[in-house]
């Protein structure tokens, strides 16, 4: 029972980390001033948000009998955030593409942008937290298992996002002379992720 539950939690973590992985790849592609410390901040941010959101959902579900209102708007919030970030990246990339050489510099690391990405990619994890009471029903020390669950989800997201960031950095080197192209592509990817979140909330998707 314990192994099956742990495996279920781990698979949930992998599923939740898909969007964070894709965004990490994008960040690795477009941020041209990443250091080792900044390279840890990005996956750590995604891991923390993916852990915090479910535990919030878990405790909120204890006090609420109806969660439909939250479920109706969470995907639209995620879409709006990713649309804003992705749209800005595309705008900046096009501006750099058409501007005279050297007038617009490459995209710089932004902690505020990473935080918004963390919120956008983890909102679906809030709904997962609502299911903990059902998933852990009949298990003793339910709160302890809820915290174990979010720890597993957070750690899983961290390592998957770190792998995505590494891949993005390597892909970004292919666009070293035209970083604006990577920025436009990255912005489009973020918007597509937002669309996927909205569509996935109405139609079951395999990813």
C-alpha atoms as a PDB file:
ATOM      1  CA  UNK A   1       0.000   0.000   0.000  1.00  0.00           C
ATOM      2  CA  UNK A   2       2.738   2.413   0.978  1.00  0.00           C
ATOM      3  CA  UNK A   3       4.776   1.655  -2.159  1.00  0.00           C
ATOM      4  CA  UNK A   4       1.717   2.010  -4.396  1.00  0.00           C
ATOM      5  CA  UNK A   5       0.846   5.329  -2.787  1.00  0.00           C
ATOM      6  CA  UNK A   6       4.399   6.609  -3.140  1.00  0.00           C
ATOM      7  CA  UNK A   7       4.465   5.544  -6.800  1.00  0.00           C
ATOM      8  CA  UNK A   8       1.158   7.346  -7.389  1.00  0.00           C
ATOM      9  CA  UNK A   9       2.559  10.501  -5.803  1.00  0.00           C
ATOM     10  CA  UNK A  10       5.748  10.277  -7.867  1.00  0.00           C
ATOM     11  CA  UNK A  11       3.793   9.877 -11.111  1.00  0.00           C
ATOM     12  CA  UNK A  12       1.671  12.873 -10.116  1.00  0.00           C
ATOM     13  CA  UNK A  13       4.891  14.828  -9.601  1.00  0.00           C
ATOM     14  CA  UNK A  14       6.126  13.872 -13.062  1.00  0.00           C
ATOM     15  CA  UNK A  15       2.840  14.923 -14.627  1.00  0.00           C
ATOM     16  CA  UNK A  16       2.815  18.260 -12.825  1.00  0.00           C
ATOM     17  CA  UNK A  17       6.442  18.911 -13.780  1.00  0.00           C
ATOM     18  CA  UNK A  18       5.839  18.753 -17.546  1.00  0.00           C
ATOM     19  CA  UNK A  19       4.969  22.446 -17.864  1.00  0.00           C
ATOM     20  CA  UNK A  20       7.812  23.469 -15.541  1.00  0.00           C
ATOM     21  CA  UNK A  21      10.204  21.422 -17.695  1.00  0.00           C
ATOM     22  CA  UNK A  22       9.060  23.173 -20.878  1.00  0.00           C
ATOM     23  CA  UNK A  23       9.354  26.627 -19.300  1.00  0.00           C
ATOM     24  CA  UNK A  24      12.806  25.746 -17.938  1.00  0.00           C
ATOM     25  CA  UNK A  25      13.931  24.824 -21.437  1.00  0.00           C
ATOM     26  CA  UNK A  26      12.651  28.190 -22.626  1.00  0.00           C
ATOM     27  CA  UNK A  27      14.467  30.053 -19.832  1.00  0.00           C
ATOM     28  CA  UNK A  28      17.702  28.259 -20.648  1.00  0.00           C
ATOM     29  CA  UNK A  29      17.324  29.306 -24.274  1.00  0.00           C
ATOM     30  CA  UNK A  30      16.563  32.980 -23.758  1.00  0.00           C
ATOM     31  CA  UNK A  31      18.426  34.115 -20.610  1.00  0.00           C
ATOM     32  CA  UNK A  32      21.913  34.978 -21.800  1.00  0.00           C
ATOM     33  CA  UNK A  33      23.408  35.910 -18.407  1.00  0.00           C
ATOM     34  CA  UNK A  34      22.708  32.765 -16.412  1.00  0.00           C
ATOM     35  CA  UNK A  35      25.195  31.943 -13.668  1.00  0.00           C
ATOM     36  CA  UNK A  36      25.400  28.765 -11.610  1.00  0.00           C
ATOM     37  CA  UNK A  37      23.406  30.428  -8.809  1.00  0.00           C
ATOM     38  CA  UNK A  38      20.700  31.679 -11.182  1.00  0.00           C
ATOM     39  CA  UNK A  39      20.627  28.248 -12.760  1.00  0.00           C
ATOM     40  CA  UNK A  40      19.619  26.824  -9.378  1.00  0.00           C
ATOM     41  CA  UNK A  41      17.111  29.577  -8.613  1.00  0.00           C
ATOM     42  CA  UNK A  42      14.930  28.719 -11.623  1.00  0.00           C
ATOM     43  CA  UNK A  43      14.301  25.002 -10.888  1.00  0.00           C
ATOM     44  CA  UNK A  44      14.194  25.725  -7.154  1.00  0.00           C
ATOM     45  CA  UNK A  45      11.438  28.293  -7.724  1.00  0.00           C
ATOM     46  CA  UNK A  46       9.407  25.862  -9.806  1.00  0.00           C
ATOM     47  CA  UNK A  47       9.948  23.093  -7.236  1.00  0.00           C
ATOM     48  CA  UNK A  48       8.870  25.281  -4.326  1.00  0.00           C
ATOM     49  CA  UNK A  49       5.714  26.490  -6.075  1.00  0.00           C
ATOM     50  CA  UNK A  50       4.794  22.959  -7.153  1.00  0.00           C
ATOM     51  CA  UNK A  51       5.116  21.895  -3.508  1.00  0.00           C
ATOM     52  CA  UNK A  52       3.383  24.899  -1.942  1.00  0.00           C
ATOM     53  CA  UNK A  53       0.310  24.881  -4.189  1.00  0.00           C
ATOM     54  CA  UNK A  54      -0.840  21.310  -3.366  1.00  0.00           C
ATOM     55  CA  UNK A  55      -0.438  21.776   0.383  1.00  0.00           C
ATOM     56  CA  UNK A  56      -2.506  24.966   0.147  1.00  0.00           C
ATOM     57  CA  UNK A  57      -5.135  23.038  -1.784  1.00  0.00           C
ATOM     58  CA  UNK A  58      -5.058  20.244   0.796  1.00  0.00           C
ATOM     59  CA  UNK A  59      -5.775  22.507   3.745  1.00  0.00           C
ATOM     60  CA  UNK A  60      -8.255  24.658   1.853  1.00  0.00           C
ATOM     61  CA  UNK A  61     -10.225  21.540   0.881  1.00  0.00           C
ATOM     62  CA  UNK A  62     -10.642  20.749   4.563  1.00  0.00           C
ATOM     63  CA  UNK A  63     -12.519  23.981   5.049  1.00  0.00           C
ATOM     64  CA  UNK A  64     -14.473  24.039   1.804  1.00  0.00           C
ATOM     65  CA  UNK A  65     -17.103  21.657   0.574  1.00  0.00           C
ATOM     66  CA  UNK A  66     -17.186  23.144  -2.932  1.00  0.00           C
ATOM     67  CA  UNK A  67     -14.109  23.924  -5.034  1.00  0.00           C
ATOM     68  CA  UNK A  68     -15.741  24.339  -8.436  1.00  0.00           C
ATOM     69  CA  UNK A  69     -15.214  28.117  -8.443  1.00  0.00           C
ATOM     70  CA  UNK A  70     -11.443  27.725  -8.095  1.00  0.00           C
ATOM     71  CA  UNK A  71     -11.335  24.944 -10.682  1.00  0.00           C
ATOM     72  CA  UNK A  72     -13.219  27.147 -13.154  1.00  0.00           C
ATOM     73  CA  UNK A  73     -10.688  29.981 -13.060  1.00  0.00           C
ATOM     74  CA  UNK A  74      -7.282  28.472 -12.225  1.00  0.00           C
ATOM     75  CA  UNK A  75      -6.435  27.485 -15.810  1.00  0.00           C
ATOM     76  CA  UNK A  76      -7.461  30.914 -17.113  1.00  0.00           C
ATOM     77  CA  UNK A  77      -5.159  32.593 -14.593  1.00  0.00           C
ATOM     78  CA  UNK A  78      -2.270  30.384 -15.715  1.00  0.00           C
ATOM     79  CA  UNK A  79      -3.051  31.143 -19.373  1.00  0.00           C
ATOM     80  CA  UNK A  80      -3.173  34.901 -18.748  1.00  0.00           C
ATOM     81  CA  UNK A  81       0.175  34.911 -16.936  1.00  0.00           C
ATOM     82  CA  UNK A  82       1.914  32.835 -19.621  1.00  0.00           C
ATOM     83  CA  UNK A  83       0.294  34.916 -22.372  1.00  0.00           C
ATOM     84  CA  UNK A  84       1.663  38.114 -20.831  1.00  0.00           C
ATOM     85  CA  UNK A  85       5.179  36.729 -20.341  1.00  0.00           C
ATOM     86  CA  UNK A  86       5.256  34.961 -23.711  1.00  0.00           C
ATOM     87  CA  UNK A  87       3.827  37.972 -25.522  1.00  0.00           C
ATOM     88  CA  UNK A  88       6.439  40.242 -23.995  1.00  0.00           C
ATOM     89  CA  UNK A  89       9.208  37.840 -25.001  1.00  0.00           C
ATOM     90  CA  UNK A  90       7.952  37.747 -28.582  1.00  0.00           C
ATOM     91  CA  UNK A  91       7.660  41.554 -28.641  1.00  0.00           C
ATOM     92  CA  UNK A  92      11.187  42.001 -27.265  1.00  0.00           C
ATOM     93  CA  UNK A  93      12.556  39.397 -29.670  1.00  0.00           C
ATOM     94  CA  UNK A  94      10.978  41.047 -32.708  1.00  0.00           C
ATOM     95  CA  UNK A  95      12.162  44.473 -31.519  1.00  0.00           C
ATOM     96  CA  UNK A  96      15.704  43.145 -31.241  1.00  0.00           C
ATOM     97  CA  UNK A  97      15.408  41.459 -34.629  1.00  0.00           C
ATOM     98  CA  UNK A  98      14.438  44.652 -36.448  1.00  0.00           C
ATOM     99  CA  UNK A  99      16.589  47.077 -34.459  1.00  0.00           C
ATOM    100  CA  UNK A 100      20.030  48.221 -35.585  1.00  0.00           C
ATOM    101  CA  UNK A 101      22.840  45.950 -34.399  1.00  0.00           C
ATOM    102  CA  UNK A 102      23.705  46.445 -30.736  1.00  0.00           C
ATOM    103  CA  UNK A 103      20.869  48.783 -29.819  1.00  0.00           C
ATOM    104  CA  UNK A 104      18.832  46.087 -28.053  1.00  0.00           C
ATOM    105  CA  UNK A 105      20.734  43.698 -25.848  1.00  0.00           C
ATOM    106  CA  UNK A 106      20.011  40.022 -25.175  1.00  0.00           C
ATOM    107  CA  UNK A 107      17.402  39.030 -22.620  1.00  0.00           C
ATOM    108  CA  UNK A 108      18.566  39.195 -19.008  1.00  0.00           C
ATOM    109  CA  UNK A 109      17.611  37.003 -16.067  1.00  0.00           C
ATOM    110  CA  UNK A 110      14.592  38.364 -14.173  1.00  0.00           C
ATOM    111  CA  UNK A 111      13.640  36.913 -10.794  1.00  0.00           C
ATOM    112  CA  UNK A 112      10.204  38.569 -10.975  1.00  0.00           C
ATOM    113  CA  UNK A 113       9.556  36.887 -14.313  1.00  0.00           C
ATOM    114  CA  UNK A 114      10.675  33.511 -12.935  1.00  0.00           C
ATOM    115  CA  UNK A 115       8.326  33.933  -9.956  1.00  0.00           C
ATOM    116  CA  UNK A 116       5.389  34.618 -12.275  1.00  0.00           C
ATOM    117  CA  UNK A 117       6.350  31.548 -14.294  1.00  0.00           C
ATOM    118  CA  UNK A 118       6.421  29.551 -11.072  1.00  0.00           C
ATOM    119  CA  UNK A 119       2.871  30.620 -10.229  1.00  0.00           C
ATOM    120  CA  UNK A 120       1.589  30.002 -13.756  1.00  0.00           C
ATOM    121  CA  UNK A 121       3.047  26.484 -14.034  1.00  0.00           C
ATOM    122  CA  UNK A 122       1.927  25.400 -10.560  1.00  0.00           C
ATOM    123  CA  UNK A 123      -1.698  26.535 -10.459  1.00  0.00           C
ATOM    124  CA  UNK A 124      -2.843  23.117 -11.667  1.00  0.00           C
ATOM    125  CA  UNK A 125      -1.024  21.649  -8.652  1.00  0.00           C
ATOM    126  CA  UNK A 126      -3.510  23.523  -6.467  1.00  0.00           C
ATOM    127  CA  UNK A 127      -6.260  21.246  -7.737  1.00  0.00           C
ATOM    128  CA  UNK A 128      -4.108  18.201  -6.996  1.00  0.00           C
ATOM    129  CA  UNK A 129      -3.990  19.327  -3.372  1.00  0.00           C
ATOM    130  CA  UNK A 130      -7.778  19.192  -3.285  1.00  0.00           C
ATOM    131  CA  UNK A 131      -7.608  15.491  -4.155  1.00  0.00           C
ATOM    132  CA  UNK A 132      -5.241  14.589  -1.321  1.00  0.00           C
ATOM    133  CA  UNK A 133      -8.102  14.089   1.123  1.00  0.00           C
ATOM    134  CA  UNK A 134      -9.603  11.544  -1.256  1.00  0.00           C
ATOM    135  CA  UNK A 135      -6.339   9.919  -2.302  1.00  0.00           C
ATOM    136  CA  UNK A 136      -5.178   9.554   1.309  1.00  0.00           C
ATOM    137  CA  UNK A 137      -8.570   8.551   2.682  1.00  0.00           C
ATOM    138  CA  UNK A 138      -8.315   5.763   5.240  1.00  0.00           C
ATOM    139  CA  UNK A 139      -4.592   6.288   5.776  1.00  0.00           C
ATOM    140  CA  UNK A 140      -3.380   7.077   9.261  1.00  0.00           C
ATOM    141  CA  UNK A 141      -1.324  10.272   9.701  1.00  0.00           C
ATOM    142  CA  UNK A 142      -2.985  11.823   6.650  1.00  0.00           C
ATOM    143  CA  UNK A 143      -1.343  15.214   7.214  1.00  0.00           C
ATOM    144  CA  UNK A 144       2.099  13.618   7.375  1.00  0.00           C
ATOM    145  CA  UNK A 145       1.472  11.877   4.054  1.00  0.00           C
ATOM    146  CA  UNK A 146       0.204  15.119   2.545  1.00  0.00           C
ATOM    147  CA  UNK A 147       3.526  16.777   3.424  1.00  0.00           C
ATOM    148  CA  UNK A 148       5.469  13.782   2.115  1.00  0.00           C
ATOM    149  CA  UNK A 149       3.485  14.052  -1.113  1.00  0.00           C
ATOM    150  CA  UNK A 150       4.297  17.704  -1.692  1.00  0.00           C
ATOM    151  CA  UNK A 151       7.961  17.099  -0.840  1.00  0.00           C
ATOM    152  CA  UNK A 152       8.138  14.381  -3.496  1.00  0.00           C
ATOM    153  CA  UNK A 153       6.367  16.604  -6.016  1.00  0.00           C
ATOM    154  CA  UNK A 154       8.652  19.544  -5.256  1.00  0.00           C
ATOM    155  CA  UNK A 155      11.887  17.543  -5.476  1.00  0.00           C
ATOM    156  CA  UNK A 156      10.741  15.818  -8.676  1.00  0.00           C
ATOM    157  CA  UNK A 157       9.908  19.163 -10.259  1.00  0.00           C
ATOM    158  CA  UNK A 158      13.280  20.611  -9.208  1.00  0.00           C
ATOM    159  CA  UNK A 159      15.341  17.916 -10.922  1.00  0.00           C
ATOM    160  CA  UNK A 160      13.160  17.776 -14.026  1.00  0.00           C
ATOM    161  CA  UNK A 161      13.301  21.581 -14.329  1.00  0.00           C
ATOM    162  CA  UNK A 162      17.074  21.511 -13.825  1.00  0.00           C
ATOM    163  CA  UNK A 163      17.357  19.025 -16.673  1.00  0.00           C
ATOM    164  CA  UNK A 164      15.123  21.231 -18.823  1.00  0.00           C
ATOM    165  CA  UNK A 165      17.212  24.300 -18.052  1.00  0.00           C
ATOM    166  CA  UNK A 166      20.396  22.443 -19.017  1.00  0.00           C
ATOM    167  CA  UNK A 167      18.843  21.393 -22.311  1.00  0.00           C
ATOM    168  CA  UNK A 168      17.653  24.949 -22.941  1.00  0.00           C
ATOM    169  CA  UNK A 169      21.105  26.396 -22.327  1.00  0.00           C
ATOM    170  CA  UNK A 170      22.621  24.022 -24.874  1.00  0.00           C
ATOM    171  CA  UNK A 171      19.908  24.743 -27.417  1.00  0.00           C
ATOM    172  CA  UNK A 172      20.315  28.468 -26.757  1.00  0.00           C
ATOM    173  CA  UNK A 173      23.967  28.272 -27.774  1.00  0.00           C
ATOM    174  CA  UNK A 174      22.805  27.384 -31.274  1.00  0.00           C
ATOM    175  CA  UNK A 175      21.122  30.807 -31.370  1.00  0.00           C
ATOM    176  CA  UNK A 176      24.049  32.632 -29.757  1.00  0.00           C
ATOM    177  CA  UNK A 177      24.392  35.054 -32.680  1.00  0.00           C
ATOM    178  CA  UNK A 178      20.643  35.566 -32.939  1.00  0.00           C
ATOM    179  CA  UNK A 179      19.361  35.384 -29.375  1.00  0.00           C
ATOM    180  CA  UNK A 180      16.218  37.198 -30.492  1.00  0.00           C
ATOM    181  CA  UNK A 181      15.171  34.105 -32.460  1.00  0.00           C
ATOM    182  CA  UNK A 182      15.368  32.013 -29.299  1.00  0.00           C
ATOM    183  CA  UNK A 183      13.362  34.660 -27.478  1.00  0.00           C
ATOM    184  CA  UNK A 184      10.591  34.625 -30.093  1.00  0.00           C
ATOM    185  CA  UNK A 185      10.493  30.826 -30.077  1.00  0.00           C
ATOM    186  CA  UNK A 186      10.519  30.775 -26.271  1.00  0.00           C
ATOM    187  CA  UNK A 187       7.650  33.248 -26.078  1.00  0.00           C
ATOM    188  CA  UNK A 188       5.623  31.165 -28.499  1.00  0.00           C
ATOM    189  CA  UNK A 189       6.312  28.060 -26.386  1.00  0.00           C
ATOM    190  CA  UNK A 190       5.021  29.786 -23.233  1.00  0.00           C
ATOM    191  CA  UNK A 191       1.818  30.829 -24.991  1.00  0.00           C
ATOM    192  CA  UNK A 192       1.348  27.286 -26.307  1.00  0.00           C
ATOM    193  CA  UNK A 193       1.789  25.940 -22.773  1.00  0.00           C
ATOM    194  CA  UNK A 194      -0.920  28.366 -21.630  1.00  0.00           C
ATOM    195  CA  UNK A 195      -3.233  27.147 -24.386  1.00  0.00           C
ATOM    196  CA  UNK A 196      -2.469  23.544 -23.439  1.00  0.00           C
ATOM    197  CA  UNK A 197      -3.389  24.237 -19.806  1.00  0.00           C
ATOM    198  CA  UNK A 198      -6.752  25.713 -20.843  1.00  0.00           C
ATOM    199  CA  UNK A 199      -7.533  22.941 -23.339  1.00  0.00           C
ATOM    200  CA  UNK A 200      -6.403  20.279 -20.873  1.00  0.00           C
ATOM    201  CA  UNK A 201      -8.854  21.558 -18.290  1.00  0.00           C
ATOM    202  CA  UNK A 202     -11.740  20.705 -20.644  1.00  0.00           C
ATOM    203  CA  UNK A 203     -10.335  17.850 -22.712  1.00  0.00           C
ATOM    204  CA  UNK A 204      -8.141  15.074 -21.230  1.00  0.00           C
ATOM    205  CA  UNK A 205      -4.655  15.255 -22.719  1.00  0.00           C
ATOM    206  CA  UNK A 206      -1.949  12.533 -22.714  1.00  0.00           C
ATOM    207  CA  UNK A 207       0.734  15.017 -21.556  1.00  0.00           C
END
